[in-house]
């Protein structure tokens, strides 16, 4: 199941692990908006 589908069905943000790098993570939110977190 994709992160977006899981987020919608659970009502909680879900990390898309296929897009994770050493300095970023991508979250699928239940409202269909994606969030990119960047770290240094």
C-alpha atoms as a PDB file:
ATOM      1  CA  UNK A   1       0.000   0.000   0.000  1.00  0.00           C
ATOM      2  CA  UNK A   2       1.340   3.457  -0.815  1.00  0.00           C
ATOM      3  CA  UNK A   3       2.138   6.049   1.833  1.00  0.00           C
ATOM      4  CA  UNK A   4      -0.654   8.295   0.545  1.00  0.00           C
ATOM      5  CA  UNK A   5      -3.290   5.563   0.821  1.00  0.00           C
ATOM      6  CA  UNK A   6      -2.086   4.565   4.264  1.00  0.00           C
ATOM      7  CA  UNK A   7      -2.171   8.185   5.461  1.00  0.00           C
ATOM      8  CA  UNK A   8      -5.726   8.640   4.217  1.00  0.00           C
ATOM      9  CA  UNK A   9      -6.951   5.398   5.772  1.00  0.00           C
ATOM     10  CA  UNK A  10      -5.253   5.953   9.161  1.00  0.00           C
ATOM     11  CA  UNK A  11      -5.708   9.720   9.386  1.00  0.00           C
ATOM     12  CA  UNK A  12      -2.019  10.143  10.300  1.00  0.00           C
ATOM     13  CA  UNK A  13       1.067  11.243   8.330  1.00  0.00           C
ATOM     14  CA  UNK A  14       3.096   8.379   6.850  1.00  0.00           C
ATOM     15  CA  UNK A  15       6.711   8.564   5.708  1.00  0.00           C
ATOM     16  CA  UNK A  16       7.413   7.542   2.112  1.00  0.00           C
ATOM     17  CA  UNK A  17      10.566   5.534   2.772  1.00  0.00           C
ATOM     18  CA  UNK A  18      11.345   5.199  -0.944  1.00  0.00           C
ATOM     19  CA  UNK A  19      12.150   8.932  -1.011  1.00  0.00           C
ATOM     20  CA  UNK A  20      14.277   9.083   2.152  1.00  0.00           C
ATOM     21  CA  UNK A  21      17.851  10.345   1.945  1.00  0.00           C
ATOM     22  CA  UNK A  22      20.466  11.206   4.566  1.00  0.00           C
ATOM     23  CA  UNK A  23      19.127  14.746   4.819  1.00  0.00           C
ATOM     24  CA  UNK A  24      15.446  14.555   3.827  1.00  0.00           C
ATOM     25  CA  UNK A  25      12.237  12.691   4.485  1.00  0.00           C
ATOM     26  CA  UNK A  26       8.898  12.923   2.702  1.00  0.00           C
ATOM     27  CA  UNK A  27       5.579  12.537   4.492  1.00  0.00           C
ATOM     28  CA  UNK A  28       2.207  11.806   2.962  1.00  0.00           C
ATOM     29  CA  UNK A  29      -0.510  13.562   4.938  1.00  0.00           C
ATOM     30  CA  UNK A  30      -4.129  12.440   5.266  1.00  0.00           C
ATOM     31  CA  UNK A  31      -5.321  15.588   3.424  1.00  0.00           C
ATOM     32  CA  UNK A  32      -3.304  14.535   0.314  1.00  0.00           C
ATOM     33  CA  UNK A  33      -0.632  17.202   0.871  1.00  0.00           C
ATOM     34  CA  UNK A  34       3.002  16.059   0.888  1.00  0.00           C
ATOM     35  CA  UNK A  35       5.560  17.417   3.368  1.00  0.00           C
ATOM     36  CA  UNK A  36       9.315  17.528   2.758  1.00  0.00           C
ATOM     37  CA  UNK A  37      11.493  17.747   5.880  1.00  0.00           C
ATOM     38  CA  UNK A  38      15.140  18.749   5.300  1.00  0.00           C
ATOM     39  CA  UNK A  39      17.932  18.259   7.814  1.00  0.00           C
ATOM     40  CA  UNK A  40      21.488  19.538   7.790  1.00  0.00           C
END
